[in-house]
Amino acid sequence: MDQMTTFFVANGLIQSFSGKGLVPEEIARSIDFLIAIGFGAGFTVLLATRLGFPISTTHSLVAGLMGAGLMAVGWK
């Protein structure tokens, strides 16, 4: 993959997993929120791997995003 393709794909993923539309924009842009998503996704992958479950990193990112969003704004 060349650099331009890699940049395009990475930019698309960042837009998809940014939290916009899930939480207010000021929360979605905060570094704490982004770190929480990363840690949640990483923990999900580690736990599933340790327990021998099949895992998708995309699904773990979605779960991390949902968990961080629920903690940031609550259940509405």
PDB file of N, CA and C in Angstrom:
ATOM      1  N   MET A   1       0.839  -1.168   0.000  1.00  0.00           N
ATOM      2  CA  MET A   1       0.000   0.000   0.000  1.00  0.00           C
ATOM      3  C   MET A   1       0.893   1.243   0.000  1.00  0.00           C
ATOM      4  N   ASP A   2       0.612   2.174  -0.860  1.00  0.00           N
ATOM      5  CA  ASP A   2       1.418   3.384  -0.853  1.00  0.00           C
ATOM      6  C   ASP A   2       0.951   4.341   0.237  1.00  0.00           C
ATOM      7  N   GLN A   3       1.716   5.392   0.478  1.00  0.00           N
ATOM      8  CA  GLN A   3       1.424   6.313   1.571  1.00  0.00           C
ATOM      9  C   GLN A   3       0.097   7.021   1.402  1.00  0.00           C
ATOM     10  N   MET A   4      -0.256   7.404   0.197  1.00  0.00           N
ATOM     11  CA  MET A   4      -1.509   8.129  -0.021  1.00  0.00           C
ATOM     12  C   MET A   4      -2.709   7.240   0.283  1.00  0.00           C
ATOM     13  N   THR A   5      -2.664   5.990  -0.131  1.00  0.00           N
ATOM     14  CA  THR A   5      -3.750   5.056   0.163  1.00  0.00           C
ATOM     15  C   THR A   5      -3.861   4.824   1.663  1.00  0.00           C
ATOM     16  N   THR A   6      -2.724   4.650   2.321  1.00  0.00           N
ATOM     17  CA  THR A   6      -2.718   4.444   3.766  1.00  0.00           C
ATOM     18  C   THR A   6      -3.315   5.646   4.487  1.00  0.00           C
ATOM     19  N   PHE A   7      -2.943   6.844   4.070  1.00  0.00           N
ATOM     20  CA  PHE A   7      -3.484   8.060   4.674  1.00  0.00           C
ATOM     21  C   PHE A   7      -4.988   8.138   4.472  1.00  0.00           C
ATOM     22  N   PHE A   8      -5.464   7.818   3.270  1.00  0.00           N
ATOM     23  CA  PHE A   8      -6.892   7.866   2.967  1.00  0.00           C
ATOM     24  C   PHE A   8      -7.676   6.892   3.837  1.00  0.00           C
ATOM     25  N   VAL A   9      -7.184   5.667   3.967  1.00  0.00           N
ATOM     26  CA  VAL A   9      -7.851   4.650   4.784  1.00  0.00           C
ATOM     27  C   VAL A   9      -7.838   5.058   6.257  1.00  0.00           C
ATOM     28  N   ALA A  10      -6.692   5.525   6.748  1.00  0.00           N
ATOM     29  CA  ALA A  10      -6.589   5.939   8.146  1.00  0.00           C
ATOM     30  C   ALA A  10      -7.508   7.111   8.437  1.00  0.00           C
ATOM     31  N   ASN A  11      -7.592   8.061   7.536  1.00  0.00           N
ATOM     32  CA  ASN A  11      -8.474   9.206   7.722  1.00  0.00           C
ATOM     33  C   ASN A  11      -9.931   8.770   7.789  1.00  0.00           C
ATOM     34  N   GLY A  12     -10.307   7.823   6.959  1.00  0.00           N
ATOM     35  CA  GLY A  12     -11.676   7.291   6.993  1.00  0.00           C
ATOM     36  C   GLY A  12     -11.991   6.610   8.313  1.00  0.00           C
ATOM     37  N   LEU A  13     -11.036   5.849   8.841  1.00  0.00           N
ATOM     38  CA  LEU A  13     -11.242   5.191  10.130  1.00  0.00           C
ATOM     39  C   LEU A  13     -11.350   6.195  11.265  1.00  0.00           C
ATOM     40  N   ILE A  14     -10.522   7.224  11.235  1.00  0.00           N
ATOM     41  CA  ILE A  14     -10.580   8.258  12.268  1.00  0.00           C
ATOM     42  C   ILE A  14     -11.944   8.941  12.248  1.00  0.00           C
ATOM     43  N   GLN A  15     -12.453   9.239  11.071  1.00  0.00           N
ATOM     44  CA  GLN A  15     -13.767   9.864  10.974  1.00  0.00           C
ATOM     45  C   GLN A  15     -14.870   8.927  11.487  1.00  0.00           C
ATOM     46  N   SER A  16     -14.758   7.642  11.183  1.00  0.00           N
ATOM     47  CA  SER A  16     -15.775   6.678  11.598  1.00  0.00           C
ATOM     48  C   SER A  16     -15.804   6.474  13.110  1.00  0.00           C
ATOM     49  N   PHE A  17     -14.625   6.481  13.739  1.00  0.00           N
ATOM     50  CA  PHE A  17     -14.535   6.186  15.161  1.00  0.00           C
ATOM     51  C   PHE A  17     -14.247   7.423  16.003  1.00  0.00           C
ATOM     52  N   SER A  18     -14.670   8.594  15.546  1.00  0.00           N
ATOM     53  CA  SER A  18     -14.365   9.832  16.262  1.00  0.00           C
ATOM     54  C   SER A  18     -15.335  10.123  17.391  1.00  0.00           C
ATOM     55  N   GLY A  19     -16.521   9.560  17.367  1.00  0.00           N
ATOM     56  CA  GLY A  19     -17.513   9.831  18.394  1.00  0.00           C
ATOM     57  C   GLY A  19     -18.491  10.926  18.005  1.00  0.00           C
ATOM     58  N   LYS A  20     -18.276  11.569  16.861  1.00  0.00           N
ATOM     59  CA  LYS A  20     -19.205  12.609  16.418  1.00  0.00           C
ATOM     60  C   LYS A  20     -20.569  12.010  16.177  1.00  0.00           C
ATOM     61  N   GLY A  21     -21.584  12.661  16.706  1.00  0.00           N
ATOM     62  CA  GLY A  21     -22.947  12.173  16.596  1.00  0.00           C
ATOM     63  C   GLY A  21     -23.343  11.283  17.762  1.00  0.00           C
ATOM     64  N   LEU A  22     -22.362  10.765  18.480  1.00  0.00           N
ATOM     65  CA  LEU A  22     -22.628   9.926  19.652  1.00  0.00           C
ATOM     66  C   LEU A  22     -22.578  10.753  20.926  1.00  0.00           C
ATOM     67  N   VAL A  23     -21.623  11.643  20.989  1.00  0.00           N
ATOM     68  CA  VAL A  23     -21.445  12.521  22.152  1.00  0.00           C
ATOM     69  C   VAL A  23     -21.284  13.949  21.641  1.00  0.00           C
ATOM     70  N   PRO A  24     -21.460  14.953  22.515  1.00  0.00           N
ATOM     71  CA  PRO A  24     -21.227  16.336  22.077  1.00  0.00           C
ATOM     72  C   PRO A  24     -19.810  16.504  21.515  1.00  0.00           C
ATOM     73  N   GLU A  25     -19.665  17.424  20.573  1.00  0.00           N
ATOM     74  CA  GLU A  25     -18.398  17.572  19.856  1.00  0.00           C
ATOM     75  C   GLU A  25     -17.231  17.917  20.777  1.00  0.00           C
ATOM     76  N   GLU A  26     -17.458  18.707  21.821  1.00  0.00           N
ATOM     77  CA  GLU A  26     -16.351  19.050  22.724  1.00  0.00           C
ATOM     78  C   GLU A  26     -15.826  17.822  23.463  1.00  0.00           C
ATOM     79  N   ILE A  27     -16.682  16.855  23.733  1.00  0.00           N
ATOM     80  CA  ILE A  27     -16.237  15.596  24.348  1.00  0.00           C
ATOM     81  C   ILE A  27     -15.526  14.736  23.311  1.00  0.00           C
ATOM     82  N   ALA A  28     -16.080  14.653  22.110  1.00  0.00           N
ATOM     83  CA  ALA A  28     -15.489  13.829  21.048  1.00  0.00           C
ATOM     84  C   ALA A  28     -14.080  14.287  20.690  1.00  0.00           C
ATOM     85  N   ARG A  29     -13.783  15.566  20.873  1.00  0.00           N
ATOM     86  CA  ARG A  29     -12.457  16.097  20.546  1.00  0.00           C
ATOM     87  C   ARG A  29     -11.471  16.007  21.703  1.00  0.00           C
ATOM     88  N   SER A  30     -11.938  15.633  22.895  1.00  0.00           N
ATOM     89  CA  SER A  30     -11.035  15.626  24.053  1.00  0.00           C
ATOM     90  C   SER A  30     -10.103  14.413  24.006  1.00  0.00           C
ATOM     91  N   ILE A  31      -8.888  14.629  24.446  1.00  0.00           N
ATOM     92  CA  ILE A  31      -7.885  13.560  24.446  1.00  0.00           C
ATOM     93  C   ILE A  31      -8.278  12.452  25.426  1.00  0.00           C
ATOM     94  N   ASP A  32      -8.937  12.810  26.530  1.00  0.00           N
ATOM     95  CA  ASP A  32      -9.369  11.796  27.495  1.00  0.00           C
ATOM     96  C   ASP A  32     -10.372  10.821  26.883  1.00  0.00           C
ATOM     97  N   PHE A  33     -11.277  11.337  26.082  1.00  0.00           N
ATOM     98  CA  PHE A  33     -12.268  10.492  25.425  1.00  0.00           C
ATOM     99  C   PHE A  33     -11.597   9.542  24.442  1.00  0.00           C
ATOM    100  N   LEU A  34     -10.657  10.061  23.662  1.00  0.00           N
ATOM    101  CA  LEU A  34      -9.950   9.224  22.689  1.00  0.00           C
ATOM    102  C   LEU A  34      -9.105   8.156  23.376  1.00  0.00           C
ATOM    103  N   ILE A  35      -8.479   8.499  24.482  1.00  0.00           N
ATOM    104  CA  ILE A  35      -7.694   7.519  25.242  1.00  0.00           C
ATOM    105  C   ILE A  35      -8.612   6.444  25.824  1.00  0.00           C
ATOM    106  N   ALA A  36      -9.783   6.847  26.309  1.00  0.00           N
ATOM    107  CA  ALA A  36     -10.740   5.884  26.863  1.00  0.00           C
ATOM    108  C   ALA A  36     -11.198   4.896  25.794  1.00  0.00           C
ATOM    109  N   ILE A  37     -11.412   5.373  24.588  1.00  0.00           N
ATOM    110  CA  ILE A  37     -11.796   4.482  23.482  1.00  0.00           C
ATOM    111  C   ILE A  37     -10.678   3.476  23.217  1.00  0.00           C
ATOM    112  N   GLY A  38      -9.459   3.963  23.158  1.00  0.00           N
ATOM    113  CA  GLY A  38      -8.311   3.083  22.905  1.00  0.00           C
ATOM    114  C   GLY A  38      -8.128   2.029  23.983  1.00  0.00           C
ATOM    115  N   PHE A  39      -8.212   2.451  25.247  1.00  0.00           N
ATOM    116  CA  PHE A  39      -8.065   1.492  26.339  1.00  0.00           C
ATOM    117  C   PHE A  39      -9.216   0.484  26.359  1.00  0.00           C
ATOM    118  N   GLY A  40     -10.434   0.955  26.103  1.00  0.00           N
ATOM    119  CA  GLY A  40     -11.580   0.040  26.065  1.00  0.00           C
ATOM    120  C   GLY A  40     -11.444  -0.990  24.959  1.00  0.00           C
ATOM    121  N   ALA A  41     -11.018  -0.541  23.787  1.00  0.00           N
ATOM    122  CA  ALA A  41     -10.828  -1.464  22.664  1.00  0.00           C
ATOM    123  C   ALA A  41      -9.690  -2.442  22.953  1.00  0.00           C
ATOM    124  N   GLY A  42      -8.598  -1.927  23.498  1.00  0.00           N
ATOM    125  CA  GLY A  42      -7.458  -2.800  23.824  1.00  0.00           C
ATOM    126  C   GLY A  42      -7.804  -3.842  24.860  1.00  0.00           C
ATOM    127  N   PHE A  43      -8.535  -3.431  25.898  1.00  0.00           N
ATOM    128  CA  PHE A  43      -8.934  -4.375  26.938  1.00  0.00           C
ATOM    129  C   PHE A  43      -9.857  -5.450  26.375  1.00  0.00           C
ATOM    130  N   THR A  44     -10.770  -5.049  25.488  1.00  0.00           N
ATOM    131  CA  THR A  44     -11.679  -6.018  24.863  1.00  0.00           C
ATOM    132  C   THR A  44     -10.905  -7.057  24.066  1.00  0.00           C
ATOM    133  N   VAL A  45      -9.916  -6.626  23.299  1.00  0.00           N
ATOM    134  CA  VAL A  45      -9.100  -7.552  22.504  1.00  0.00           C
ATOM    135  C   VAL A  45      -8.307  -8.482  23.420  1.00  0.00           C
ATOM    136  N   LEU A  46      -7.675  -7.916  24.460  1.00  0.00           N
ATOM    137  CA  LEU A  46      -6.892  -8.740  25.389  1.00  0.00           C
ATOM    138  C   LEU A  46      -7.760  -9.766  26.106  1.00  0.00           C
ATOM    139  N   LEU A  47      -8.921  -9.347  26.581  1.00  0.00           N
ATOM    140  CA  LEU A  47      -9.809 -10.259  27.302  1.00  0.00           C
ATOM    141  C   LEU A  47     -10.308 -11.384  26.385  1.00  0.00           C
ATOM    142  N   ALA A  48     -10.752 -11.032  25.187  1.00  0.00           N
ATOM    143  CA  ALA A  48     -11.250 -12.050  24.259  1.00  0.00           C
ATOM    144  C   ALA A  48     -10.138 -13.017  23.861  1.00  0.00           C
ATOM    145  N   THR A  49      -8.937 -12.496  23.646  1.00  0.00           N
ATOM    146  CA  THR A  49      -7.806 -13.352  23.294  1.00  0.00           C
ATOM    147  C   THR A  49      -7.471 -14.292  24.437  1.00  0.00           C
ATOM    148  N   ARG A  50      -7.440 -13.762  25.634  1.00  0.00           N
ATOM    149  CA  ARG A  50      -7.116 -14.571  26.822  1.00  0.00           C
ATOM    150  C   ARG A  50      -8.149 -15.681  27.051  1.00  0.00           C
ATOM    151  N   LEU A  51      -9.419 -15.374  26.793  1.00  0.00           N
ATOM    152  CA  LEU A  51     -10.490 -16.353  26.991  1.00  0.00           C
ATOM    153  C   LEU A  51     -10.699 -17.269  25.789  1.00  0.00           C
ATOM    154  N   GLY A  52      -9.979 -17.006  24.707  1.00  0.00           N
ATOM    155  CA  GLY A  52     -10.080 -17.854  23.522  1.00  0.00           C
ATOM    156  C   GLY A  52     -11.271 -17.564  22.641  1.00  0.00           C
ATOM    157  N   PHE A  53     -11.861 -16.379  22.763  1.00  0.00           N
ATOM    158  CA  PHE A  53     -13.001 -16.006  21.932  1.00  0.00           C
ATOM    159  C   PHE A  53     -12.515 -15.387  20.626  1.00  0.00           C
ATOM    160  N   PRO A  54     -13.280 -15.548  19.554  1.00  0.00           N
ATOM    161  CA  PRO A  54     -12.925 -14.843  18.326  1.00  0.00           C
ATOM    162  C   PRO A  54     -13.115 -13.344  18.555  1.00  0.00           C
ATOM    163  N   ILE A  55     -12.275 -12.537  17.938  1.00  0.00           N
ATOM    164  CA  ILE A  55     -12.348 -11.098  18.182  1.00  0.00           C
ATOM    165  C   ILE A  55     -12.133 -10.332  16.887  1.00  0.00           C
ATOM    166  N   SER A  56     -12.811  -9.231  16.769  1.00  0.00           N
ATOM    167  CA  SER A  56     -12.646  -8.307  15.654  1.00  0.00           C
ATOM    168  C   SER A  56     -12.199  -6.976  16.246  1.00  0.00           C
ATOM    169  N   THR A  57     -11.106  -6.437  15.753  1.00  0.00           N
ATOM    170  CA  THR A  57     -10.645  -5.159  16.276  1.00  0.00           C
ATOM    171  C   THR A  57     -11.638  -4.044  15.970  1.00  0.00           C
ATOM    172  N   THR A  58     -12.331  -4.134  14.849  1.00  0.00           N
ATOM    173  CA  THR A  58     -13.354  -3.136  14.537  1.00  0.00           C
ATOM    174  C   THR A  58     -14.482  -3.200  15.557  1.00  0.00           C
ATOM    175  N   HIS A  59     -14.926  -4.400  15.902  1.00  0.00           N
ATOM    176  CA  HIS A  59     -15.976  -4.537  16.908  1.00  0.00           C
ATOM    177  C   HIS A  59     -15.496  -4.057  18.273  1.00  0.00           C
ATOM    178  N   SER A  60     -14.237  -4.304  18.589  1.00  0.00           N
ATOM    179  CA  SER A  60     -13.722  -3.834  19.878  1.00  0.00           C
ATOM    180  C   SER A  60     -13.643  -2.308  19.902  1.00  0.00           C
ATOM    181  N   LEU A  61     -13.334  -1.672  18.782  1.00  0.00           N
ATOM    182  CA  LEU A  61     -13.346  -0.206  18.725  1.00  0.00           C
ATOM    183  C   LEU A  61     -14.755   0.346  18.905  1.00  0.00           C
ATOM    184  N   VAL A  62     -15.733  -0.305  18.288  1.00  0.00           N
ATOM    185  CA  VAL A  62     -17.126   0.121  18.453  1.00  0.00           C
ATOM    186  C   VAL A  62     -17.541  -0.025  19.914  1.00  0.00           C
ATOM    187  N   ALA A  63     -17.175  -1.129  20.542  1.00  0.00           N
ATOM    188  CA  ALA A  63     -17.500  -1.330  21.957  1.00  0.00           C
ATOM    189  C   ALA A  63     -16.804  -0.291  22.827  1.00  0.00           C
ATOM    190  N   GLY A  64     -15.542   0.022  22.540  1.00  0.00           N
ATOM    191  CA  GLY A  64     -14.833   1.054  23.286  1.00  0.00           C
ATOM    192  C   GLY A  64     -15.472   2.414  23.113  1.00  0.00           C
ATOM    193  N   LEU A  65     -15.909   2.721  21.902  1.00  0.00           N
ATOM    194  CA  LEU A  65     -16.574   3.988  21.615  1.00  0.00           C
ATOM    195  C   LEU A  65     -17.904   4.082  22.361  1.00  0.00           C
ATOM    196  N   MET A  66     -18.662   2.996  22.353  1.00  0.00           N
ATOM    197  CA  MET A  66     -19.950   2.995  23.052  1.00  0.00           C
ATOM    198  C   MET A  66     -19.763   3.113  24.559  1.00  0.00           C
ATOM    199  N   GLY A  67     -18.792   2.383  25.097  1.00  0.00           N
ATOM    200  CA  GLY A  67     -18.541   2.444  26.534  1.00  0.00           C
ATOM    201  C   GLY A  67     -18.075   3.813  26.967  1.00  0.00           C
ATOM    202  N   ALA A  68     -17.148   4.409  26.236  1.00  0.00           N
ATOM    203  CA  ALA A  68     -16.664   5.757  26.568  1.00  0.00           C
ATOM    204  C   ALA A  68     -17.791   6.781  26.413  1.00  0.00           C
ATOM    205  N   GLY A  69     -18.627   6.608  25.394  1.00  0.00           N
ATOM    206  CA  GLY A  69     -19.764   7.509  25.204  1.00  0.00           C
ATOM    207  C   GLY A  69     -20.759   7.420  26.336  1.00  0.00           C
ATOM    208  N   LEU A  70     -21.058   6.210  26.787  1.00  0.00           N
ATOM    209  CA  LEU A  70     -21.989   6.042  27.913  1.00  0.00           C
ATOM    210  C   LEU A  70     -21.438   6.658  29.195  1.00  0.00           C
ATOM    211  N   MET A  71     -20.146   6.507  29.423  1.00  0.00           N
ATOM    212  CA  MET A  71     -19.532   7.091  30.609  1.00  0.00           C
ATOM    213  C   MET A  71     -19.473   8.620  30.521  1.00  0.00           C
ATOM    214  N   ALA A  72     -19.324   9.141  29.307  1.00  0.00           N
ATOM    215  CA  ALA A  72     -19.192  10.582  29.143  1.00  0.00           C
ATOM    216  C   ALA A  72     -20.526  11.325  29.275  1.00  0.00           C
ATOM    217  N   VAL A  73     -21.587  10.771  28.705  1.00  0.00           N
ATOM    218  CA  VAL A  73     -22.863  11.490  28.705  1.00  0.00           C
ATOM    219  C   VAL A  73     -24.001  10.730  29.368  1.00  0.00           C
ATOM    220  N   GLY A  74     -23.810   9.479  29.702  1.00  0.00           N
ATOM    221  CA  GLY A  74     -24.855   8.694  30.346  1.00  0.00           C
ATOM    222  C   GLY A  74     -25.845   8.116  29.352  1.00  0.00           C
ATOM    223  N   TRP A  75     -26.805   7.415  29.884  1.00  0.00           N
ATOM    224  CA  TRP A  75     -27.835   6.752  29.073  1.00  0.00           C
ATOM    225  C   TRP A  75     -28.990   7.732  28.875  1.00  0.00           C
ATOM    226  N   LYS A  76     -29.295   8.079  27.620  1.00  0.00           N
ATOM    227  CA  LYS A  76     -30.381   9.036  27.372  1.00  0.00           C
ATOM    228  C   LYS A  76     -31.479   8.391  26.586  1.00  0.00           C
TER     229      LYS A  76
END
